[in-house]
Amino acid sequence: MYNCKKNNNLREDINYSIQIFVESGSGQNLLDPNTPGYFKEENIRMYWLVEGREELFFNPKLDYPYGLTVGKELGQANNYLKIITVNHRDKENPTTTYIDWGNGMLQDGSKLIK
């Protein structure tokens, strides 16, 4: 609780987000709707590796239920993928997040395990 005189039960609130720019081999922004074959936000999904299996992130209570959005910040020229939610379940060990760009394939070219 916060007040002017006393701080009781304070907890640190850390907000993580990641911005990813995606370009083709010829330098085209693959998140820009003007680029032929661009990745559409409504098709992009994020998976967390949990106990050896990919688990789709989905939380219908969030503004971005799949934990990501495509856009650009004020003053930036390029669209980017912004991951709003990161896997923080295991605070002691590294975690793995996969992105499916809308074709059922992970970023390394392998198929989703599901």
Protein backbone atom coordinates (compact mmCIF):
# COMPACT_ATOMS: atom_id res chain seq x y z
CA MET A 1 0.00 0.00 0.00
CA TYR A 2 1.26 3.46 -0.84
CA ASN A 3 0.66 6.56 1.23
CA CYS A 4 2.57 9.69 2.15
CA LYS A 5 3.77 8.55 5.55
CA LYS A 6 4.34 4.85 5.36
CA ASN A 7 5.17 2.21 2.75
CA ASN A 8 3.76 -1.15 3.71
CA ASN A 9 3.74 -4.30 1.62
CA LEU A 10 5.50 -2.69 -1.33
CA ARG A 11 6.30 -4.95 -4.20
CA GLU A 12 8.48 -4.21 -7.16
CA ASP A 13 6.52 -4.06 -10.41
CA ILE A 14 8.70 -4.56 -13.48
CA ASN A 15 7.20 -4.11 -16.93
CA TYR A 16 8.98 -5.95 -19.74
CA SER A 17 8.45 -5.55 -23.45
CA ILE A 18 10.55 -6.46 -26.47
CA GLN A 19 10.62 -4.77 -29.87
CA ILE A 20 11.58 -6.84 -32.92
CA PHE A 21 12.24 -5.45 -36.40
CA VAL A 22 11.87 -8.03 -39.18
CA GLU A 23 13.49 -7.53 -42.60
CA SER A 24 13.82 -9.65 -45.72
CA GLY A 25 17.23 -10.44 -47.17
CA SER A 26 16.83 -7.40 -49.41
CA GLY A 27 16.07 -5.09 -46.47
CA GLN A 28 12.28 -4.85 -46.85
CA ASN A 29 10.30 -4.42 -43.62
CA LEU A 30 8.25 -7.62 -43.35
CA LEU A 31 5.85 -6.01 -40.85
CA ASP A 32 4.93 -3.15 -43.21
CA PRO A 33 1.58 -3.68 -45.00
CA ASN A 34 3.12 -2.06 -48.10
CA THR A 35 5.64 -4.92 -48.40
CA PRO A 36 4.43 -7.84 -50.56
CA GLY A 37 4.08 -10.97 -48.39
CA TYR A 38 4.33 -9.03 -45.12
CA PHE A 39 3.50 -10.74 -41.81
CA LYS A 40 -0.02 -9.81 -40.68
CA GLU A 41 -0.49 -9.11 -36.98
CA GLU A 42 -3.69 -11.18 -36.78
CA ASN A 43 -1.73 -14.28 -37.89
CA ILE A 44 1.32 -13.91 -35.62
CA ARG A 45 1.33 -16.03 -32.47
CA MET A 46 3.69 -16.36 -29.51
CA TYR A 47 4.47 -19.67 -27.81
CA TRP A 48 6.31 -20.32 -24.57
CA LEU A 49 8.29 -23.52 -24.12
CA VAL A 50 6.82 -25.11 -20.98
CA GLU A 51 8.01 -28.55 -19.87
CA GLY A 52 9.21 -29.41 -23.38
CA ARG A 53 6.05 -28.35 -25.25
CA GLU A 54 5.05 -25.14 -26.99
CA GLU A 55 2.18 -23.43 -25.18
CA LEU A 56 0.25 -20.71 -27.04
CA PHE A 57 0.08 -17.47 -25.08
CA PHE A 58 -3.51 -16.25 -24.94
CA ASN A 59 -5.18 -14.14 -22.27
CA PRO A 60 -8.59 -12.76 -23.31
CA LYS A 61 -8.49 -10.20 -20.48
CA LEU A 62 -5.60 -8.28 -22.05
CA ASP A 63 -5.85 -5.47 -24.61
CA TYR A 64 -3.55 -7.62 -26.77
CA PRO A 65 -4.74 -11.17 -25.91
CA TYR A 66 -1.91 -12.87 -27.83
CA GLY A 67 0.66 -10.79 -25.95
CA LEU A 68 1.93 -8.86 -28.98
CA THR A 69 1.15 -6.06 -31.38
CA VAL A 70 2.59 -4.63 -34.59
CA GLY A 71 3.07 -0.90 -34.89
CA LYS A 72 5.49 1.96 -34.78
CA GLU A 73 6.37 4.49 -32.14
CA LEU A 74 5.90 8.18 -32.71
CA GLY A 75 8.81 9.41 -34.80
CA GLN A 76 9.89 5.95 -35.98
CA ALA A 77 9.80 5.06 -39.64
CA ASN A 78 9.61 1.27 -39.37
CA ASN A 79 6.90 -1.06 -38.12
CA TYR A 80 8.03 -3.57 -35.50
CA LEU A 81 6.62 -6.44 -33.48
CA LYS A 82 6.21 -5.51 -29.83
CA ILE A 83 5.95 -8.40 -27.41
CA ILE A 84 3.97 -7.07 -24.47
CA THR A 85 4.20 -10.13 -22.21
CA VAL A 86 7.31 -12.19 -21.54
CA ASN A 87 7.57 -15.62 -19.92
CA HIS A 88 8.38 -14.97 -16.29
CA ARG A 89 7.14 -18.28 -14.82
CA ASP A 90 10.63 -19.56 -14.04
CA LYS A 91 12.49 -16.76 -12.31
CA GLU A 92 15.61 -18.87 -11.75
CA ASN A 93 16.33 -20.22 -15.25
CA PRO A 94 16.30 -18.89 -18.82
CA THR A 95 13.02 -19.31 -20.69
CA THR A 96 12.30 -19.88 -24.39
CA THR A 97 9.75 -17.97 -26.47
CA TYR A 98 8.86 -18.90 -30.05
CA ILE A 99 7.20 -16.72 -32.67
CA ASP A 100 4.96 -18.26 -35.35
CA TRP A 101 4.86 -15.66 -38.13
CA GLY A 102 1.52 -16.97 -39.37
CA ASN A 103 2.50 -20.07 -41.31
CA GLY A 104 2.70 -22.68 -38.53
CA MET A 105 6.49 -22.53 -38.53
CA LEU A 106 8.80 -21.29 -35.81
CA GLN A 107 11.42 -18.66 -36.52
CA ASP A 108 14.10 -21.36 -36.93
CA GLY A 109 12.07 -23.03 -39.72
CA SER A 110 10.89 -26.00 -37.66
CA LYS A 111 7.22 -26.93 -37.33
CA LEU A 112 5.36 -26.36 -34.10
CA ILE A 113 5.41 -29.45 -31.87
CA LYS A 114 1.96 -28.95 -30.23
